[in-house]
Amino acid sequence: MKLAYSNLACPEWPLDEVMRRAAAYGYAGVELRLYEGEVIPARLPEGVVQAIRAAATAAGVTILGIGASTRFAMADPGERRRQEDELRAYLDLAARLGARFVRTFGGQMEGDAADCIARLAESLARVAEAADAAGVDILLETHDDFSPSARVRDALAAARHPRLGALWDVHHPYRMGETPAETMANLSPWLRHVHIKDARRRGDGWDLVPLGAGEVPVREILRALRAAGYSGWLSVEWERKWHPELQPAEEALPQHITVLRALWEETGGEATGGV
């Protein structure tokens, strides 16, 4: 199993430090959600792109993907077209960075669920042509109104393109009441990436907590991944950018990789830092 983390964990770190710390802590890859502490823009100067690539190469880590905020379930066709253009720009950036994927959201549903899923599938299918040209995958995350994994499944099945896949954020389907087995059954034909986190229920919400300290059945999730023959990456998503009260990355990232390796080995696998 290959381990990475998202730089949501460390909004204060410049990207060269993100890469160095990944190597120091034992992570083999990095997901880029932020640049200079804010959501990474789709358009970066070539000098910046080359500096990021050089930092990753120097540290010996892989730039796995980019976290975009694009979404497509809205009713307004003009806004969907604008979102499609933004996703195309992110695909171009990913190709320039040597990244493997761009993450997208489905978004908030407006109106009938089946219509929203159809709109999402249409947009993904249109942008998939650009993904093919760039050599970069588009991964639809279990998030927002697409936290139920069946909705991600239905959108990807309708869009039908080899450059489209699923990203399983393990918290969101679980908080919607799904078991890991149910999520895996829905996503397995398309599963390309996994976001790992833990959380504890609080009233009508959830608190993010260190791995192993919450209710998300991480051990069961790892067993489901092994049983399905998943051989991709696990990426720690410690959302300190959105929740500044969380432990700093210097504490959280070593804790997560230590626990994750132990759990993976406990379930019969070998967690490595290698690609």
C-alpha atoms as a PDB file:
ATOM      1  CA  MET A   1       0.000   0.000   0.000  1.00  0.00           C
ATOM      2  CA  LYS A   2       1.331   3.411  -1.004  1.00  0.00           C
ATOM      3  CA  LEU A   3       0.879   6.278   1.440  1.00  0.00           C
ATOM      4  CA  ALA A   4       0.445   9.985   0.782  1.00  0.00           C
ATOM      5  CA  TYR A   5      -1.012  13.065   2.410  1.00  0.00           C
ATOM      6  CA  SER A   6      -2.886  16.177   1.315  1.00  0.00           C
ATOM      7  CA  ASN A   7      -1.329  19.532   2.099  1.00  0.00           C
ATOM      8  CA  LEU A   8      -4.639  20.599   3.641  1.00  0.00           C
ATOM      9  CA  ALA A   9      -2.802  19.441   6.764  1.00  0.00           C
ATOM     10  CA  CYS A  10      -0.198  22.189   6.571  1.00  0.00           C
ATOM     11  CA  PRO A  11      -1.463  25.457   5.044  1.00  0.00           C
ATOM     12  CA  GLU A  12       1.490  27.358   6.500  1.00  0.00           C
ATOM     13  CA  TRP A  13       4.161  25.234   4.803  1.00  0.00           C
ATOM     14  CA  PRO A  14       5.627  26.253   1.430  1.00  0.00           C
ATOM     15  CA  LEU A  15       5.495  23.466  -1.113  1.00  0.00           C
ATOM     16  CA  ASP A  16       9.185  22.631  -0.889  1.00  0.00           C
ATOM     17  CA  GLU A  17       8.672  21.981   2.824  1.00  0.00           C
ATOM     18  CA  VAL A  18       5.565  19.900   2.060  1.00  0.00           C
ATOM     19  CA  MET A  19       7.752  17.659  -0.097  1.00  0.00           C
ATOM     20  CA  ARG A  20      10.653  17.466   2.367  1.00  0.00           C
ATOM     21  CA  ARG A  21       8.377  16.638   5.284  1.00  0.00           C
ATOM     22  CA  ALA A  22       6.618  13.942   3.265  1.00  0.00           C
ATOM     23  CA  ALA A  23       9.922  12.171   2.753  1.00  0.00           C
ATOM     24  CA  ALA A  24      10.983  12.710   6.366  1.00  0.00           C
ATOM     25  CA  TYR A  25       7.760  11.235   7.748  1.00  0.00           C
ATOM     26  CA  GLY A  26       7.753   8.285   5.335  1.00  0.00           C
ATOM     27  CA  TYR A  27       5.061   9.364   2.876  1.00  0.00           C
ATOM     28  CA  ALA A  28       5.791   8.559  -0.756  1.00  0.00           C
ATOM     29  CA  GLY A  29       3.321  10.992  -2.285  1.00  0.00           C
ATOM     30  CA  VAL A  30       1.597  14.340  -1.863  1.00  0.00           C
ATOM     31  CA  GLU A  31      -1.768  15.670  -2.984  1.00  0.00           C
ATOM     32  CA  LEU A  32      -1.879  19.383  -3.741  1.00  0.00           C
ATOM     33  CA  ARG A  33      -4.983  21.136  -2.463  1.00  0.00           C
ATOM     34  CA  LEU A  34      -3.268  24.392  -1.482  1.00  0.00           C
ATOM     35  CA  TYR A  35      -0.737  26.823  -2.874  1.00  0.00           C
ATOM     36  CA  GLU A  36       0.620  29.531  -0.571  1.00  0.00           C
ATOM     37  CA  GLY A  37      -2.006  28.617   2.011  1.00  0.00           C
ATOM     38  CA  GLU A  38      -5.056  28.957  -0.256  1.00  0.00           C
ATOM     39  CA  VAL A  39      -6.875  26.644  -2.660  1.00  0.00           C
ATOM     40  CA  ILE A  40      -4.491  25.968  -5.520  1.00  0.00           C
ATOM     41  CA  PRO A  41      -5.489  27.971  -8.605  1.00  0.00           C
ATOM     42  CA  ALA A  42      -5.971  26.220 -11.920  1.00  0.00           C
ATOM     43  CA  ARG A  43      -3.485  28.514 -13.602  1.00  0.00           C
ATOM     44  CA  LEU A  44       0.076  28.796 -12.297  1.00  0.00           C
ATOM     45  CA  PRO A  45       3.079  30.363 -14.050  1.00  0.00           C
ATOM     46  CA  GLU A  46       5.456  27.902 -15.653  1.00  0.00           C
ATOM     47  CA  GLY A  47       8.263  28.932 -13.312  1.00  0.00           C
ATOM     48  CA  VAL A  48       6.133  27.990 -10.305  1.00  0.00           C
ATOM     49  CA  VAL A  49       5.197  24.655 -11.869  1.00  0.00           C
ATOM     50  CA  GLN A  50       8.835  23.812 -12.530  1.00  0.00           C
ATOM     51  CA  ALA A  51       9.814  24.785  -8.976  1.00  0.00           C
ATOM     52  CA  ILE A  52       7.128  22.478  -7.546  1.00  0.00           C
ATOM     53  CA  ARG A  53       8.266  19.606  -9.746  1.00  0.00           C
ATOM     54  CA  ALA A  54      11.888  20.197  -8.780  1.00  0.00           C
ATOM     55  CA  ALA A  55      10.999  20.169  -5.067  1.00  0.00           C
ATOM     56  CA  ALA A  56       9.164  16.857  -5.440  1.00  0.00           C
ATOM     57  CA  THR A  57      12.035  15.329  -7.392  1.00  0.00           C
ATOM     58  CA  ALA A  58      14.597  16.515  -4.841  1.00  0.00           C
ATOM     59  CA  ALA A  59      12.575  14.983  -2.004  1.00  0.00           C
ATOM     60  CA  GLY A  60      11.878  11.778  -3.917  1.00  0.00           C
ATOM     61  CA  VAL A  61       8.094  12.036  -3.593  1.00  0.00           C
ATOM     62  CA  THR A  62       5.302  11.741  -6.152  1.00  0.00           C
ATOM     63  CA  ILE A  63       2.834  14.530  -6.899  1.00  0.00           C
ATOM     64  CA  LEU A  64      -0.264  12.365  -7.011  1.00  0.00           C
ATOM     65  CA  GLY A  65      -3.008  14.791  -7.874  1.00  0.00           C
ATOM     66  CA  ILE A  66      -4.703  18.133  -7.470  1.00  0.00           C
ATOM     67  CA  GLY A  67      -7.784  18.831  -5.383  1.00  0.00           C
ATOM     68  CA  ALA A  68     -10.137  21.036  -7.396  1.00  0.00           C
ATOM     69  CA  SER A  69     -13.433  22.423  -6.076  1.00  0.00           C
ATOM     70  CA  THR A  70     -15.349  22.035  -9.329  1.00  0.00           C
ATOM     71  CA  ARG A  71     -18.928  20.726  -9.152  1.00  0.00           C
ATOM     72  CA  PHE A  72     -21.628  20.009 -11.698  1.00  0.00           C
ATOM     73  CA  ALA A  73     -24.992  19.104 -10.157  1.00  0.00           C
ATOM     74  CA  MET A  74     -26.446  22.615 -10.432  1.00  0.00           C
ATOM     75  CA  ALA A  75     -29.341  23.358 -12.766  1.00  0.00           C
ATOM     76  CA  ASP A  76     -27.762  26.394 -14.482  1.00  0.00           C
ATOM     77  CA  PRO A  77     -26.176  25.163 -17.751  1.00  0.00           C
ATOM     78  CA  GLY A  78     -24.012  28.271 -18.050  1.00  0.00           C
ATOM     79  CA  GLU A  79     -22.482  27.670 -14.633  1.00  0.00           C
ATOM     80  CA  ARG A  80     -21.873  24.026 -15.487  1.00  0.00           C
ATOM     81  CA  ARG A  81     -20.011  25.111 -18.620  1.00  0.00           C
ATOM     82  CA  ARG A  82     -17.882  27.480 -16.551  1.00  0.00           C
ATOM     83  CA  GLN A  83     -17.116  24.638 -14.138  1.00  0.00           C
ATOM     84  CA  GLU A  84     -16.187  22.385 -17.058  1.00  0.00           C
ATOM     85  CA  ASP A  85     -13.741  24.991 -18.345  1.00  0.00           C
ATOM     86  CA  GLU A  86     -12.224  25.281 -14.865  1.00  0.00           C
ATOM     87  CA  LEU A  87     -11.787  21.524 -14.632  1.00  0.00           C
ATOM     88  CA  ARG A  88     -10.084  21.498 -18.038  1.00  0.00           C
ATOM     89  CA  ALA A  89      -7.653  24.119 -16.752  1.00  0.00           C
ATOM     90  CA  TYR A  90      -6.911  21.942 -13.711  1.00  0.00           C
ATOM     91  CA  LEU A  91      -6.265  18.980 -16.001  1.00  0.00           C
ATOM     92  CA  ASP A  92      -3.721  21.056 -17.885  1.00  0.00           C
ATOM     93  CA  LEU A  93      -2.051  22.048 -14.613  1.00  0.00           C
ATOM     94  CA  ALA A  94      -1.968  18.421 -13.464  1.00  0.00           C
ATOM     95  CA  ALA A  95      -0.293  17.373 -16.701  1.00  0.00           C
ATOM     96  CA  ARG A  96       2.305  20.128 -16.327  1.00  0.00           C
ATOM     97  CA  LEU A  97       3.001  19.002 -12.749  1.00  0.00           C
ATOM     98  CA  GLY A  98       3.218  15.336 -13.730  1.00  0.00           C
ATOM     99  CA  ALA A  99       0.220  14.516 -11.518  1.00  0.00           C
ATOM    100  CA  ARG A 100      -2.015  11.525 -12.111  1.00  0.00           C
ATOM    101  CA  PHE A 101      -5.461  12.906 -11.336  1.00  0.00           C
ATOM    102  CA  VAL A 102      -7.661  15.872 -10.566  1.00  0.00           C
ATOM    103  CA  ARG A 103     -10.286  15.434  -7.868  1.00  0.00           C
ATOM    104  CA  THR A 104     -13.716  16.961  -8.450  1.00  0.00           C
ATOM    105  CA  PHE A 105     -16.888  17.191  -6.416  1.00  0.00           C
ATOM    106  CA  GLY A 106     -20.403  16.480  -7.595  1.00  0.00           C
ATOM    107  CA  GLY A 107     -21.814  19.409  -5.653  1.00  0.00           C
ATOM    108  CA  GLN A 108     -25.129  20.260  -4.064  1.00  0.00           C
ATOM    109  CA  MET A 109     -28.170  18.850  -5.793  1.00  0.00           C
ATOM    110  CA  GLU A 110     -30.775  21.210  -7.204  1.00  0.00           C
ATOM    111  CA  GLY A 111     -34.058  19.460  -7.925  1.00  0.00           C
ATOM    112  CA  ASP A 112     -34.617  15.815  -8.761  1.00  0.00           C
ATOM    113  CA  ALA A 113     -31.712  13.538  -7.800  1.00  0.00           C
ATOM    114  CA  ALA A 114     -31.798  11.592 -11.061  1.00  0.00           C
ATOM    115  CA  ASP A 115     -31.626  14.825 -13.062  1.00  0.00           C
ATOM    116  CA  CYS A 116     -28.664  16.025 -10.978  1.00  0.00           C
ATOM    117  CA  ILE A 117     -26.799  12.768 -11.513  1.00  0.00           C
ATOM    118  CA  ALA A 118     -27.499  12.987 -15.246  1.00  0.00           C
ATOM    119  CA  ARG A 119     -26.195  16.568 -15.407  1.00  0.00           C
ATOM    120  CA  LEU A 120     -23.048  15.570 -13.542  1.00  0.00           C
ATOM    121  CA  ALA A 121     -22.486  12.607 -15.852  1.00  0.00           C
ATOM    122  CA  GLU A 122     -22.926  14.790 -18.948  1.00  0.00           C
ATOM    123  CA  SER A 123     -20.357  17.306 -17.714  1.00  0.00           C
ATOM    124  CA  LEU A 124     -17.869  14.623 -16.731  1.00  0.00           C
ATOM    125  CA  ALA A 125     -18.222  12.941 -20.112  1.00  0.00           C
ATOM    126  CA  ARG A 126     -17.568  16.228 -21.910  1.00  0.00           C
ATOM    127  CA  VAL A 127     -14.466  17.033 -19.868  1.00  0.00           C
ATOM    128  CA  ALA A 128     -13.184  13.445 -20.111  1.00  0.00           C
ATOM    129  CA  GLU A 129     -12.006  14.168 -23.654  1.00  0.00           C
ATOM    130  CA  ALA A 130      -9.613  16.790 -22.256  1.00  0.00           C
ATOM    131  CA  ALA A 131      -8.547  14.344 -19.540  1.00  0.00           C
ATOM    132  CA  ASP A 132      -7.686  11.808 -22.211  1.00  0.00           C
ATOM    133  CA  ALA A 133      -5.622  14.358 -24.114  1.00  0.00           C
ATOM    134  CA  ALA A 134      -3.799  15.387 -20.924  1.00  0.00           C
ATOM    135  CA  GLY A 135      -3.189  11.831 -19.750  1.00  0.00           C
ATOM    136  CA  VAL A 136      -4.783  12.677 -16.391  1.00  0.00           C
ATOM    137  CA  ASP A 137      -7.721  11.011 -14.613  1.00  0.00           C
ATOM    138  CA  ILE A 138     -10.758  12.815 -13.180  1.00  0.00           C
ATOM    139  CA  LEU A 139     -11.792  11.355  -9.828  1.00  0.00           C
ATOM    140  CA  LEU A 140     -15.263  12.005  -8.419  1.00  0.00           C
ATOM    141  CA  GLU A 141     -15.186  12.109  -4.621  1.00  0.00           C
ATOM    142  CA  THR A 142     -17.762  10.800  -2.165  1.00  0.00           C
ATOM    143  CA  HIS A 143     -18.525  14.276  -0.837  1.00  0.00           C
ATOM    144  CA  ASP A 144     -21.377  16.778  -0.329  1.00  0.00           C
ATOM    145  CA  ASP A 145     -24.629  15.492  -1.880  1.00  0.00           C
ATOM    146  CA  PHE A 146     -22.609  12.727  -3.515  1.00  0.00           C
ATOM    147  CA  SER A 147     -21.471  11.315  -0.176  1.00  0.00           C
ATOM    148  CA  PRO A 148     -23.771   8.312  -0.764  1.00  0.00           C
ATOM    149  CA  SER A 149     -21.567   6.098  -2.894  1.00  0.00           C
ATOM    150  CA  ALA A 150     -24.452   4.893  -5.063  1.00  0.00           C
ATOM    151  CA  ARG A 151     -24.721   8.391  -6.521  1.00  0.00           C
ATOM    152  CA  VAL A 152     -21.037   8.384  -7.464  1.00  0.00           C
ATOM    153  CA  ARG A 153     -21.514   4.917  -8.966  1.00  0.00           C
ATOM    154  CA  ASP A 154     -24.523   6.019 -11.006  1.00  0.00           C
ATOM    155  CA  ALA A 155     -22.790   9.143 -12.346  1.00  0.00           C
ATOM    156  CA  LEU A 156     -19.670   7.241 -13.403  1.00  0.00           C
ATOM    157  CA  ALA A 157     -21.701   4.424 -14.935  1.00  0.00           C
ATOM    158  CA  ALA A 158     -23.640   6.966 -16.994  1.00  0.00           C
ATOM    159  CA  ALA A 159     -20.553   8.933 -18.066  1.00  0.00           C
ATOM    160  CA  ARG A 160     -18.688   5.776 -19.169  1.00  0.00           C
ATOM    161  CA  HIS A 161     -15.135   6.914 -19.848  1.00  0.00           C
ATOM    162  CA  PRO A 162     -11.857   5.201 -18.862  1.00  0.00           C
ATOM    163  CA  ARG A 163     -10.405   8.492 -17.592  1.00  0.00           C
ATOM    164  CA  LEU A 164     -13.179   8.789 -14.984  1.00  0.00           C
ATOM    165  CA  GLY A 165     -12.890   7.135 -11.590  1.00  0.00           C
ATOM    166  CA  ALA A 166     -13.975   7.277  -7.969  1.00  0.00           C
ATOM    167  CA  LEU A 167     -12.255   8.723  -4.929  1.00  0.00           C
ATOM    168  CA  TRP A 168     -13.482   7.196  -1.678  1.00  0.00           C
ATOM    169  CA  ASP A 169     -13.357   9.682   1.180  1.00  0.00           C
ATOM    170  CA  VAL A 170     -13.952   7.154   3.924  1.00  0.00           C
ATOM    171  CA  HIS A 171     -15.719   9.515   6.325  1.00  0.00           C
ATOM    172  CA  HIS A 172     -18.596  10.752   4.193  1.00  0.00           C
ATOM    173  CA  PRO A 173     -20.294   7.490   3.141  1.00  0.00           C
ATOM    174  CA  TYR A 174     -19.875   6.223   6.714  1.00  0.00           C
ATOM    175  CA  ARG A 175     -21.612   9.251   8.212  1.00  0.00           C
ATOM    176  CA  MET A 176     -24.427   8.628   5.709  1.00  0.00           C
ATOM    177  CA  GLY A 177     -24.911   5.186   7.260  1.00  0.00           C
ATOM    178  CA  GLU A 178     -23.019   3.002   4.788  1.00  0.00           C
ATOM    179  CA  THR A 179     -20.852   0.076   5.788  1.00  0.00           C
ATOM    180  CA  PRO A 180     -17.433  -0.282   4.146  1.00  0.00           C
ATOM    181  CA  ALA A 181     -18.711  -3.365   2.328  1.00  0.00           C
ATOM    182  CA  GLU A 182     -21.606  -1.393   0.846  1.00  0.00           C
ATOM    183  CA  THR A 183     -19.337   1.435  -0.271  1.00  0.00           C
ATOM    184  CA  MET A 184     -16.832  -0.957  -1.794  1.00  0.00           C
ATOM    185  CA  ALA A 185     -19.574  -2.811  -3.670  1.00  0.00           C
ATOM    186  CA  ASN A 186     -20.699   0.469  -5.226  1.00  0.00           C
ATOM    187  CA  LEU A 187     -17.274   1.906  -6.036  1.00  0.00           C
ATOM    188  CA  SER A 188     -15.007  -1.053  -6.753  1.00  0.00           C
ATOM    189  CA  PRO A 189     -15.243  -0.948 -10.588  1.00  0.00           C
ATOM    190  CA  TRP A 190     -14.128   2.695 -10.538  1.00  0.00           C
ATOM    191  CA  LEU A 191     -12.045   3.036  -7.364  1.00  0.00           C
ATOM    192  CA  ARG A 192      -8.717   4.798  -8.018  1.00  0.00           C
ATOM    193  CA  HIS A 193      -7.885   6.639  -4.781  1.00  0.00           C
ATOM    194  CA  VAL A 194      -8.772   6.732  -1.070  1.00  0.00           C
ATOM    195  CA  HIS A 195      -8.815   9.577   1.461  1.00  0.00           C
ATOM    196  CA  ILE A 196      -8.232   8.339   5.007  1.00  0.00           C
ATOM    197  CA  LYS A 197      -9.421  10.208   8.089  1.00  0.00           C
ATOM    198  CA  ASP A 198     -11.151   9.571  11.396  1.00  0.00           C
ATOM    199  CA  ALA A 199     -13.954  11.423  13.156  1.00  0.00           C
ATOM    200  CA  ARG A 200     -16.159  11.289  16.225  1.00  0.00           C
ATOM    201  CA  ARG A 201     -19.862  12.091  16.321  1.00  0.00           C
ATOM    202  CA  ARG A 202     -20.798  15.246  18.228  1.00  0.00           C
ATOM    203  CA  GLY A 203     -24.478  16.165  18.471  1.00  0.00           C
ATOM    204  CA  ASP A 204     -25.608  16.727  14.904  1.00  0.00           C
ATOM    205  CA  GLY A 205     -22.065  17.008  13.547  1.00  0.00           C
ATOM    206  CA  TRP A 206     -18.647  15.375  13.559  1.00  0.00           C
ATOM    207  CA  ASP A 207     -15.242  16.269  14.976  1.00  0.00           C
ATOM    208  CA  LEU A 208     -12.119  15.210  13.094  1.00  0.00           C
ATOM    209  CA  VAL A 209      -9.758  13.299  15.396  1.00  0.00           C
ATOM    210  CA  PRO A 210      -6.388  11.514  15.150  1.00  0.00           C
ATOM    211  CA  LEU A 211      -6.506   8.221  13.286  1.00  0.00           C
ATOM    212  CA  GLY A 212      -7.813   5.461  15.533  1.00  0.00           C
ATOM    213  CA  ALA A 213      -9.432   7.829  18.040  1.00  0.00           C
ATOM    214  CA  GLY A 214     -12.793   8.087  16.298  1.00  0.00           C
ATOM    215  CA  GLU A 215     -15.685   6.025  14.981  1.00  0.00           C
ATOM    216  CA  VAL A 216     -14.776   5.599  11.317  1.00  0.00           C
ATOM    217  CA  PRO A 217     -14.140   1.839  10.888  1.00  0.00           C
ATOM    218  CA  VAL A 218     -10.687   2.243   9.371  1.00  0.00           C
ATOM    219  CA  ARG A 219      -9.634  -1.335  10.098  1.00  0.00           C
ATOM    220  CA  GLU A 220     -12.752  -2.675   8.360  1.00  0.00           C
ATOM    221  CA  ILE A 221     -12.166  -0.301   5.438  1.00  0.00           C
ATOM    222  CA  LEU A 222      -8.621  -1.597   4.996  1.00  0.00           C
ATOM    223  CA  ARG A 223      -9.887  -5.172   5.030  1.00  0.00           C
ATOM    224  CA  ALA A 224     -12.451  -4.290   2.361  1.00  0.00           C
ATOM    225  CA  LEU A 225      -9.736  -2.713   0.217  1.00  0.00           C
ATOM    226  CA  ARG A 226      -7.535  -5.780   0.571  1.00  0.00           C
ATOM    227  CA  ALA A 227     -10.408  -8.130  -0.251  1.00  0.00           C
ATOM    228  CA  ALA A 228     -11.159  -6.138  -3.406  1.00  0.00           C
ATOM    229  CA  GLY A 229      -7.522  -6.270  -4.504  1.00  0.00           C
ATOM    230  CA  TYR A 230      -7.070  -2.513  -4.269  1.00  0.00           C
ATOM    231  CA  SER A 231      -3.447  -1.617  -4.997  1.00  0.00           C
ATOM    232  CA  GLY A 232      -3.647   2.167  -5.207  1.00  0.00           C
ATOM    233  CA  TRP A 233      -2.790   4.918  -2.783  1.00  0.00           C
ATOM    234  CA  LEU A 234      -4.104   5.783   0.665  1.00  0.00           C
ATOM    235  CA  SER A 235      -3.921   9.505   1.290  1.00  0.00           C
ATOM    236  CA  VAL A 236      -4.226  11.096   4.724  1.00  0.00           C
ATOM    237  CA  GLU A 237      -6.584  14.073   4.680  1.00  0.00           C
ATOM    238  CA  TRP A 238      -6.037  16.052   7.882  1.00  0.00           C
ATOM    239  CA  GLU A 239      -8.154  19.141   7.220  1.00  0.00           C
ATOM    240  CA  ARG A 240      -6.333  21.714   9.315  1.00  0.00           C
ATOM    241  CA  LYS A 241      -6.846  24.368   6.640  1.00  0.00           C
ATOM    242  CA  TRP A 242     -10.596  24.231   7.304  1.00  0.00           C
ATOM    243  CA  HIS A 243     -10.291  23.392  11.021  1.00  0.00           C
ATOM    244  CA  PRO A 244      -7.362  25.378  12.463  1.00  0.00           C
ATOM    245  CA  GLU A 245      -8.088  24.018  15.937  1.00  0.00           C
ATOM    246  CA  LEU A 246      -6.727  20.626  14.862  1.00  0.00           C
ATOM    247  CA  GLN A 247      -3.275  19.422  15.877  1.00  0.00           C
ATOM    248  CA  PRO A 248      -0.466  20.874  13.753  1.00  0.00           C
ATOM    249  CA  ALA A 249       0.818  18.764  10.896  1.00  0.00           C
ATOM    250  CA  GLU A 250       4.116  18.158  12.709  1.00  0.00           C
ATOM    251  CA  GLU A 251       2.145  16.032  15.186  1.00  0.00           C
ATOM    252  CA  ALA A 252      -0.719  14.723  13.074  1.00  0.00           C
ATOM    253  CA  LEU A 253       1.140  13.451  10.022  1.00  0.00           C
ATOM    254  CA  PRO A 254       3.597  11.197  11.908  1.00  0.00           C
ATOM    255  CA  GLN A 255       0.717   9.899  14.053  1.00  0.00           C
ATOM    256  CA  HIS A 256      -1.407   9.048  11.031  1.00  0.00           C
ATOM    257  CA  ILE A 257       1.293   7.190   9.127  1.00  0.00           C
ATOM    258  CA  THR A 258       2.316   5.201  12.208  1.00  0.00           C
ATOM    259  CA  VAL A 259      -1.258   4.096  12.910  1.00  0.00           C
ATOM    260  CA  LEU A 260      -2.060   3.481   9.261  1.00  0.00           C
ATOM    261  CA  ARG A 261       0.973   1.260   8.756  1.00  0.00           C
ATOM    262  CA  ALA A 262       0.131  -0.711  11.888  1.00  0.00           C
ATOM    263  CA  LEU A 263      -3.492  -1.200  10.837  1.00  0.00           C
ATOM    264  CA  TRP A 264      -2.540  -2.205   7.306  1.00  0.00           C
ATOM    265  CA  GLU A 265      -0.049  -4.765   8.576  1.00  0.00           C
ATOM    266  CA  GLU A 266      -2.608  -5.997  11.106  1.00  0.00           C
ATOM    267  CA  THR A 267      -5.054  -6.663   8.278  1.00  0.00           C
ATOM    268  CA  GLY A 268      -2.457  -8.687   6.415  1.00  0.00           C
ATOM    269  CA  GLY A 269      -0.779  -6.154   4.165  1.00  0.00           C
ATOM    270  CA  GLU A 270       2.562  -4.440   3.951  1.00  0.00           C
ATOM    271  CA  ALA A 271       2.463  -0.640   4.008  1.00  0.00           C
ATOM    272  CA  THR A 272       5.417   0.880   2.234  1.00  0.00           C
ATOM    273  CA  GLY A 273       6.529   4.346   1.349  1.00  0.00           C
ATOM    274  CA  GLY A 274       7.527   3.217  -2.116  1.00  0.00           C
ATOM    275  CA  VAL A 275       5.737   3.795  -5.363  1.00  0.00           C
END
